[in-house]
N, C-alpha and C. Protein backbone atom coordinates (compact mmCIF):
# COMPACT_ATOMS: atom_id res chain seq x y z
N MET A 1 0.84 -1.20 0.00
CA MET A 1 0.00 0.00 0.00
C MET A 1 0.88 1.25 0.00
N MET A 2 1.97 1.22 0.75
CA MET A 2 2.85 2.38 0.82
C MET A 2 3.67 2.54 -0.45
N ASN A 3 3.89 1.45 -1.18
CA ASN A 3 4.74 1.52 -2.36
C ASN A 3 4.08 2.26 -3.51
N SER A 4 2.75 2.35 -3.50
CA SER A 4 2.03 2.99 -4.60
C SER A 4 1.72 4.46 -4.28
N ASN A 5 2.61 5.09 -3.53
CA ASN A 5 2.37 6.47 -3.10
C ASN A 5 2.30 7.42 -4.29
N ASN A 6 3.16 7.24 -5.28
CA ASN A 6 3.24 8.19 -6.39
C ASN A 6 2.25 7.86 -7.49
N SER A 7 1.64 6.68 -7.47
CA SER A 7 0.74 6.31 -8.56
C SER A 7 -0.72 6.48 -8.15
N GLY A 8 -1.29 5.48 -7.54
CA GLY A 8 -2.72 5.52 -7.25
C GLY A 8 -3.05 6.28 -5.98
N MET A 9 -2.19 6.18 -4.97
CA MET A 9 -2.50 6.77 -3.67
C MET A 9 -2.43 8.30 -3.71
N ASN A 10 -1.64 8.85 -4.63
CA ASN A 10 -1.42 10.30 -4.65
C ASN A 10 -2.72 11.05 -4.86
N GLY A 11 -3.51 10.64 -5.84
CA GLY A 11 -4.78 11.30 -6.11
C GLY A 11 -5.75 11.11 -4.96
N TRP A 12 -5.71 9.93 -4.33
CA TRP A 12 -6.61 9.64 -3.22
C TRP A 12 -6.27 10.49 -2.00
N MET A 13 -4.97 10.66 -1.76
CA MET A 13 -4.54 11.43 -0.61
C MET A 13 -4.95 12.89 -0.76
N GLY A 14 -5.02 13.38 -2.01
CA GLY A 14 -5.39 14.76 -2.25
C GLY A 14 -6.91 14.97 -2.26
N GLY A 15 -7.65 13.91 -2.02
CA GLY A 15 -9.11 14.00 -2.07
C GLY A 15 -9.71 14.63 -0.84
N GLY A 16 -8.92 14.85 0.18
CA GLY A 16 -9.43 15.49 1.39
C GLY A 16 -9.36 14.58 2.61
N MET A 17 -10.02 15.00 3.66
CA MET A 17 -9.93 14.30 4.94
C MET A 17 -10.93 13.15 5.05
N TRP A 18 -11.83 13.03 4.09
CA TRP A 18 -12.86 11.98 4.19
C TRP A 18 -12.21 10.60 4.23
N GLY A 19 -11.09 10.44 3.50
CA GLY A 19 -10.40 9.15 3.48
C GLY A 19 -9.89 8.78 4.86
N TRP A 20 -9.31 9.75 5.56
CA TRP A 20 -8.80 9.48 6.91
C TRP A 20 -9.95 9.22 7.86
N THR A 21 -11.08 9.88 7.61
CA THR A 21 -12.26 9.64 8.47
C THR A 21 -12.74 8.21 8.33
N VAL A 22 -12.76 7.71 7.08
CA VAL A 22 -13.19 6.33 6.84
C VAL A 22 -12.22 5.36 7.50
N ILE A 23 -10.92 5.61 7.33
CA ILE A 23 -9.91 4.72 7.93
C ILE A 23 -10.04 4.73 9.44
N GLY A 24 -10.22 5.91 10.02
CA GLY A 24 -10.36 6.00 11.47
C GLY A 24 -11.57 5.25 11.97
N THR A 25 -12.69 5.38 11.24
CA THR A 25 -13.90 4.67 11.64
C THR A 25 -13.70 3.17 11.58
N LEU A 26 -13.04 2.70 10.51
CA LEU A 26 -12.80 1.26 10.37
C LEU A 26 -11.91 0.75 11.49
N LEU A 27 -10.89 1.52 11.85
CA LEU A 27 -9.99 1.12 12.93
C LEU A 27 -10.74 1.02 14.25
N VAL A 28 -11.62 1.99 14.51
CA VAL A 28 -12.39 1.96 15.76
C VAL A 28 -13.30 0.74 15.80
N VAL A 29 -13.94 0.45 14.67
CA VAL A 29 -14.83 -0.72 14.61
C VAL A 29 -14.04 -2.00 14.86
N LEU A 30 -12.86 -2.10 14.24
CA LEU A 30 -12.04 -3.29 14.43
C LEU A 30 -11.61 -3.42 15.89
N LEU A 31 -11.27 -2.32 16.51
CA LEU A 31 -10.86 -2.36 17.93
C LEU A 31 -12.02 -2.81 18.80
N VAL A 32 -13.22 -2.29 18.53
CA VAL A 32 -14.39 -2.67 19.33
C VAL A 32 -14.67 -4.16 19.17
N VAL A 33 -14.60 -4.65 17.94
CA VAL A 33 -14.85 -6.07 17.69
C VAL A 33 -13.81 -6.92 18.40
N ALA A 34 -12.56 -6.50 18.35
CA ALA A 34 -11.48 -7.27 19.01
C ALA A 34 -11.70 -7.29 20.51
N ILE A 35 -12.08 -6.15 21.10
CA ILE A 35 -12.32 -6.09 22.55
C ILE A 35 -13.48 -7.00 22.93
N ILE A 36 -14.55 -6.98 22.13
CA ILE A 36 -15.72 -7.82 22.43
C ILE A 36 -15.32 -9.30 22.37
N LYS A 37 -14.53 -9.66 21.35
CA LYS A 37 -14.12 -11.06 21.22
C LYS A 37 -13.25 -11.47 22.41
N LEU A 38 -12.35 -10.59 22.83
CA LEU A 38 -11.49 -10.90 23.97
C LEU A 38 -12.30 -10.99 25.25
N ALA A 39 -13.31 -10.15 25.38
CA ALA A 39 -14.14 -10.15 26.58
C ALA A 39 -14.97 -11.43 26.67
N LYS A 40 -15.39 -11.93 25.50
CA LYS A 40 -16.20 -13.15 25.52
C LYS A 40 -15.37 -14.37 25.88
N LYS A 41 -14.06 -14.28 25.64
CA LYS A 41 -13.19 -15.41 26.00
C LYS A 41 -13.12 -15.51 27.52
């Protein structure tokens, strides 16, 4: 993902903060799911 910085990612990075918002939301969801799974153990 990091290797394609100059090709595909460059235009996406310039698209604004919405991309980081989506990534942040996904990370939070993954953390919540992981915590729930650990709690059920």
